[in-house]
Amino acid sequence: MSFTLISPFCILLLLTSWLLSSQGVIAAPVDQGTHTPTAREAVTLKYSISGSGTFYPYFTNNPQHPGILPDLVARILTQSAIEGENIVLPAKRTNRYLESGKIDFDLISPAWLKASQLTDPRFVFSDAMLPIREYVVTRAPAPSLNNLSGRMVGTVRGYYYHDDDEFVRVDFESERALIQALNKGRIDIAILGDLPAQYWSAQDNVALHFNQLHSHGTLHIRLRAEHAHLLPVLNQAIQTLRDSGQITQIETDYLQHVSTAQAPGNE
């Protein structure tokens, strides 16, 4: 008869293994390939929605009441459980940053865009959020200006206009600067959003004539295509906010500060 001697080290190792196993300390092997991050994990969407900086009431430059768009985007991101970072940029730089991927989305009306911009494969669009209109504006009543071909037209630097290949752009830094230029006779025609035009004309005491509707559309999130997988959750958030009345409430809170004395149709 023969015996196999077990070393004290082996006995200690076996005893330790048995003790740990009996206390449930030894865990089952982890399959590293079974965890797939959700669409919202580890992503912070950078965006810019400041427009010209005087895009009132959509953007106000007031940290306590930043405007319709900052409030709306904050609600959408919170509802979506997506982190966001608002980077305040001039409109022209916003477009450049979005195209280069330095920011991930902006807000835009497809009615502002040319056909080639609407079908740009670099971007996808969310569901609609808010109606938005812009007008051809003059200082005094004038014949209908539904044809701007060849005319010099005041515009905001960096803004999109679906037909700006037909007229001569005269760019100014903001909506307010456009109204001041109209008042001083530096330009005779401008294209302005109805709400910013109403607000700044009231602030600066400049009478305006809303001559002709230039575009009537809705605001959407324009998102870089690499984040297209986030669209379903963003659209669901938009739907939830719409159904609960929160989008209407945000808009109403700011519209009460916009004068309606010169609203289109009330001139």
Protein backbone atom coordinates (compact mmCIF):
# COMPACT_ATOMS: atom_id res chain seq x y z
CA MET A 1 0.00 0.00 0.00
CA SER A 2 1.28 3.49 -0.87
CA PHE A 3 0.20 7.02 0.17
CA THR A 4 0.39 10.33 -1.70
CA LEU A 5 1.50 13.08 0.58
CA ILE A 6 -0.31 16.44 0.22
CA SER A 7 1.71 19.50 1.03
CA PRO A 8 0.52 21.93 3.70
CA PHE A 9 0.16 24.64 0.99
CA CYS A 10 -2.28 22.53 -1.05
CA ILE A 11 -4.32 21.75 2.07
CA LEU A 12 -4.53 25.47 2.85
CA LEU A 13 -5.57 26.28 -0.72
CA LEU A 14 -8.34 23.65 -0.73
CA LEU A 15 -9.61 24.80 2.66
CA THR A 16 -9.73 28.46 1.59
CA SER A 17 -11.58 27.57 -1.61
CA TRP A 18 -14.16 25.54 0.33
CA LEU A 19 -14.73 28.35 2.84
CA LEU A 20 -15.22 31.01 0.16
CA SER A 21 -17.48 28.78 -1.88
CA SER A 22 -19.66 27.97 1.11
CA GLN A 23 -20.19 31.71 1.78
CA GLY A 24 -21.18 32.49 -1.81
CA VAL A 25 -18.17 34.73 -2.37
CA ILE A 26 -16.99 33.07 -5.54
CA ALA A 27 -19.12 34.55 -8.31
CA ALA A 28 -20.05 32.94 -11.57
CA PRO A 29 -17.92 33.99 -14.54
CA VAL A 30 -19.12 37.23 -16.16
CA ASP A 31 -19.90 37.14 -19.85
CA GLN A 32 -18.38 40.37 -21.05
CA GLY A 33 -20.36 40.27 -24.25
CA THR A 34 -23.83 40.18 -22.71
CA HIS A 35 -24.10 43.86 -21.69
CA THR A 36 -25.21 46.21 -24.43
CA PRO A 37 -25.34 49.89 -23.41
CA THR A 38 -28.70 51.55 -23.90
CA ALA A 39 -29.05 54.31 -26.47
CA ARG A 40 -28.89 56.97 -23.73
CA GLU A 41 -25.82 55.75 -21.83
CA ALA A 42 -22.59 57.75 -21.91
CA VAL A 43 -23.81 60.40 -24.35
CA THR A 44 -24.00 64.15 -23.84
CA LEU A 45 -25.55 65.98 -26.76
CA LYS A 46 -24.04 69.39 -27.45
CA TYR A 47 -26.34 71.94 -29.03
CA SER A 48 -26.78 75.62 -29.78
CA ILE A 49 -30.17 77.37 -29.96
CA SER A 50 -29.32 81.03 -29.40
CA GLY A 51 -29.93 82.21 -32.95
CA SER A 52 -28.67 85.77 -33.38
CA GLY A 53 -28.79 86.36 -29.63
CA THR A 54 -31.86 88.64 -29.99
CA PHE A 55 -34.19 85.90 -31.22
CA TYR A 56 -36.82 86.97 -28.67
CA PRO A 57 -38.92 85.23 -27.27
CA TYR A 58 -37.24 82.06 -28.52
CA PHE A 59 -33.95 83.08 -26.88
CA THR A 60 -33.73 85.92 -24.35
CA ASN A 61 -30.19 86.01 -22.88
CA ASN A 62 -31.83 85.92 -19.43
CA PRO A 63 -30.52 83.01 -17.32
CA GLN A 64 -33.70 82.95 -15.20
CA HIS A 65 -36.03 82.96 -18.21
CA PRO A 66 -33.81 81.90 -21.12
CA GLY A 67 -36.52 81.64 -23.77
CA ILE A 68 -38.93 79.24 -25.41
CA LEU A 69 -36.24 77.13 -27.05
CA PRO A 70 -33.87 76.64 -24.08
CA ASP A 71 -36.82 75.79 -21.82
CA LEU A 72 -38.28 73.42 -24.40
CA VAL A 73 -35.01 71.60 -25.10
CA ALA A 74 -34.31 71.25 -21.37
CA ARG A 75 -37.71 69.59 -20.90
CA ILE A 76 -37.19 67.27 -23.87
CA LEU A 77 -33.77 66.15 -22.66
CA THR A 78 -35.02 65.62 -19.11
CA GLN A 79 -38.00 63.64 -20.37
CA SER A 80 -35.64 61.58 -22.55
CA ALA A 81 -33.08 61.06 -19.75
CA ILE A 82 -30.39 62.37 -22.11
CA GLU A 83 -27.63 64.70 -20.94
CA GLY A 84 -27.24 67.95 -22.87
CA GLU A 85 -24.83 70.87 -23.04
CA ASN A 86 -25.98 74.21 -24.46
CA ILE A 87 -23.20 76.13 -26.19
CA VAL A 88 -24.13 79.72 -27.02
CA LEU A 89 -22.86 80.50 -30.51
CA PRO A 90 -23.63 83.05 -33.24
CA ALA A 91 -25.91 81.60 -35.93
CA LYS A 92 -23.18 81.34 -38.57
CA ARG A 93 -20.87 79.49 -36.21
CA THR A 94 -23.71 77.21 -35.10
CA ASN A 95 -24.12 76.02 -38.67
CA ARG A 96 -20.38 75.47 -39.04
CA TYR A 97 -20.11 73.61 -35.74
CA LEU A 98 -23.04 71.37 -36.60
CA GLU A 99 -21.61 70.51 -40.00
CA SER A 100 -18.22 69.64 -38.49
CA GLY A 101 -19.67 67.63 -35.58
CA LYS A 102 -18.57 70.01 -32.82
CA ILE A 103 -22.21 70.18 -31.76
CA ASP A 104 -24.84 67.48 -32.21
CA PHE A 105 -28.08 69.32 -32.92
CA ASP A 106 -29.87 72.60 -33.39
CA LEU A 107 -33.51 73.61 -33.84
CA ILE A 108 -34.73 74.56 -37.28
CA SER A 109 -37.78 74.90 -39.48
CA PRO A 110 -37.51 72.83 -42.66
CA ALA A 111 -39.41 75.69 -44.35
CA TRP A 112 -36.19 77.71 -44.09
CA LEU A 113 -34.16 75.18 -46.03
CA LYS A 114 -33.49 74.48 -49.69
CA ALA A 115 -34.25 71.01 -51.09
CA SER A 116 -30.59 69.99 -50.96
CA GLN A 117 -30.39 70.93 -47.28
CA LEU A 118 -33.55 68.99 -46.46
CA THR A 119 -32.06 65.81 -47.91
CA ASP A 120 -28.53 66.21 -46.52
CA PRO A 121 -27.61 62.68 -45.31
CA ARG A 122 -25.58 64.10 -42.41
CA PHE A 123 -28.76 65.01 -40.54
CA VAL A 124 -32.10 63.61 -39.40
CA PHE A 125 -35.12 65.54 -38.13
CA SER A 126 -37.31 65.00 -35.10
CA ASP A 127 -41.08 65.32 -34.99
CA ALA A 128 -42.50 68.85 -35.07
CA MET A 129 -42.61 70.92 -31.89
CA LEU A 130 -43.79 74.49 -32.48
CA PRO A 131 -45.24 76.47 -35.40
CA ILE A 132 -43.05 79.33 -36.58
CA ARG A 133 -43.56 82.03 -39.20
CA GLU A 134 -41.49 84.70 -40.86
CA TYR A 135 -42.61 87.67 -42.92
CA VAL A 136 -41.38 90.07 -45.54
CA VAL A 137 -41.45 93.32 -43.56
CA THR A 138 -41.35 96.98 -44.59
CA ARG A 139 -41.63 100.27 -42.72
CA ALA A 140 -44.77 101.42 -44.53
CA PRO A 141 -47.54 99.62 -46.41
CA ALA A 142 -46.40 98.64 -49.89
CA PRO A 143 -47.68 96.52 -52.78
CA SER A 144 -47.41 92.79 -52.22
CA LEU A 145 -43.79 91.62 -52.21
CA ASN A 146 -44.36 87.95 -53.05
CA ASN A 147 -41.56 88.14 -55.61
CA LEU A 148 -38.19 89.20 -54.20
CA SER A 149 -36.19 88.39 -57.33
CA GLY A 150 -33.25 90.76 -57.71
CA ARG A 151 -34.20 92.89 -54.70
CA MET A 152 -31.91 93.86 -51.84
CA VAL A 153 -33.35 92.25 -48.71
CA GLY A 154 -32.26 92.62 -45.11
CA THR A 155 -31.39 89.27 -43.51
CA VAL A 156 -29.75 87.98 -40.34
CA ARG A 157 -26.16 86.81 -40.73
CA GLY A 158 -25.95 83.02 -40.56
CA TYR A 159 -29.69 82.40 -40.97
CA TYR A 160 -31.09 80.11 -43.64
CA TYR A 161 -33.56 81.41 -46.24
CA HIS A 162 -35.05 78.92 -48.69
CA ASP A 163 -34.96 81.40 -51.59
CA ASP A 164 -31.88 83.53 -50.92
CA ASP A 165 -30.44 82.60 -54.29
CA GLU A 166 -33.17 84.79 -55.82
CA PHE A 167 -32.52 88.05 -53.96
CA VAL A 168 -29.48 90.01 -52.76
CA ARG A 169 -28.81 89.41 -49.06
CA VAL A 170 -27.87 92.39 -46.91
CA ASP A 171 -26.76 90.72 -43.69
CA PHE A 172 -27.11 92.27 -40.24
CA GLU A 173 -26.09 90.80 -36.90
CA SER A 174 -29.58 90.36 -35.45
CA GLU A 175 -33.33 90.89 -35.73
CA ARG A 176 -33.04 94.06 -33.69
CA ALA A 177 -30.33 95.42 -35.97
CA LEU A 178 -32.59 94.71 -38.97
CA ILE A 179 -35.43 96.74 -37.48
CA GLN A 180 -33.07 99.61 -36.68
CA ALA A 181 -31.76 99.51 -40.27
CA LEU A 182 -35.34 99.64 -41.59
CA ASN A 183 -36.07 102.60 -39.33
CA LYS A 184 -32.99 104.49 -40.56
CA GLY A 185 -33.78 103.77 -44.22
CA ARG A 186 -30.64 101.69 -44.75
CA ILE A 187 -32.84 98.96 -46.21
CA ASP A 188 -36.44 98.96 -47.45
CA ILE A 189 -37.26 95.26 -47.08
CA ALA A 190 -36.35 92.67 -44.46
CA ILE A 191 -37.29 89.10 -43.63
CA LEU A 192 -38.14 88.66 -39.94
CA GLY A 193 -39.78 86.14 -37.68
CA ASP A 194 -43.16 87.50 -36.59
CA LEU A 195 -42.57 87.26 -32.83
CA PRO A 196 -39.06 88.81 -32.76
CA ALA A 197 -40.32 91.56 -35.08
CA GLN A 198 -43.28 92.32 -32.82
CA TYR A 199 -41.13 92.38 -29.70
CA TRP A 200 -38.27 94.54 -30.95
CA SER A 201 -40.49 96.93 -32.89
CA ALA A 202 -42.37 97.56 -29.64
CA GLN A 203 -39.14 97.93 -27.64
CA ASP A 204 -37.65 100.41 -30.13
CA ASN A 205 -40.96 102.10 -31.03
CA VAL A 206 -40.66 101.32 -34.74
CA ALA A 207 -43.87 100.76 -36.72
CA LEU A 208 -43.63 97.84 -39.14
CA HIS A 209 -45.78 96.55 -41.98
CA PHE A 210 -46.01 92.76 -42.33
CA ASN A 211 -46.23 92.71 -46.10
CA GLN A 212 -46.13 89.05 -47.06
CA LEU A 213 -45.75 85.65 -45.41
CA HIS A 214 -42.30 84.33 -46.34
CA SER A 215 -42.35 80.92 -44.65
CA HIS A 216 -44.71 79.04 -42.38
CA GLY A 217 -43.38 75.86 -40.83
CA THR A 218 -42.64 74.06 -37.59
CA LEU A 219 -39.52 73.77 -35.47
CA HIS A 220 -37.73 70.42 -35.34
CA ILE A 221 -34.55 69.09 -33.80
CA ARG A 222 -31.97 68.71 -36.57
CA LEU A 223 -29.72 65.94 -35.26
CA ARG A 224 -26.49 64.63 -36.68
CA ALA A 225 -27.13 61.25 -38.31
CA GLU A 226 -24.71 59.35 -36.06
CA HIS A 227 -27.21 59.96 -33.24
CA ALA A 228 -30.24 58.83 -35.24
CA HIS A 229 -30.79 55.96 -32.78
CA LEU A 230 -31.87 58.61 -30.25
CA LEU A 231 -34.74 59.87 -32.41
CA PRO A 232 -37.40 57.45 -31.06
CA VAL A 233 -36.84 58.49 -27.45
CA LEU A 234 -36.64 62.20 -28.40
CA ASN A 235 -39.85 61.94 -30.41
CA GLN A 236 -41.56 60.16 -27.54
CA ALA A 237 -40.51 62.96 -25.21
CA ILE A 238 -41.88 65.57 -27.62
CA GLN A 239 -45.17 63.67 -27.81
CA THR A 240 -45.40 63.40 -24.03
CA LEU A 241 -44.76 67.13 -23.56
CA ARG A 242 -47.28 67.98 -26.25
CA ASP A 243 -49.98 65.69 -24.84
CA SER A 244 -49.47 67.02 -21.30
CA GLY A 245 -49.77 70.63 -22.46
CA GLN A 246 -46.24 71.54 -21.42
CA ILE A 247 -45.16 72.78 -24.85
CA THR A 248 -48.18 75.08 -25.05
CA GLN A 249 -47.52 76.32 -21.52
CA ILE A 250 -43.88 77.17 -22.26
CA GLU A 251 -44.90 79.13 -25.34
CA THR A 252 -47.73 80.93 -23.51
CA ASP A 253 -45.44 81.97 -20.64
CA TYR A 254 -43.21 83.88 -23.06
CA LEU A 255 -45.82 85.14 -25.52
CA GLN A 256 -47.44 87.26 -22.82
CA HIS A 257 -44.36 89.50 -22.99
CA VAL A 258 -44.62 90.03 -26.76
CA SER A 259 -46.68 93.00 -27.90
CA THR A 260 -49.55 92.06 -30.24
CA ALA A 261 -50.17 95.65 -31.32
CA GLN A 262 -48.32 95.09 -34.59
CA ALA A 263 -49.06 91.41 -35.07
CA PRO A 264 -49.65 90.32 -38.68
CA GLY A 265 -53.20 91.19 -39.59
CA ASN A 266 -53.43 93.93 -36.92
CA GLU A 267 -51.56 96.67 -38.77
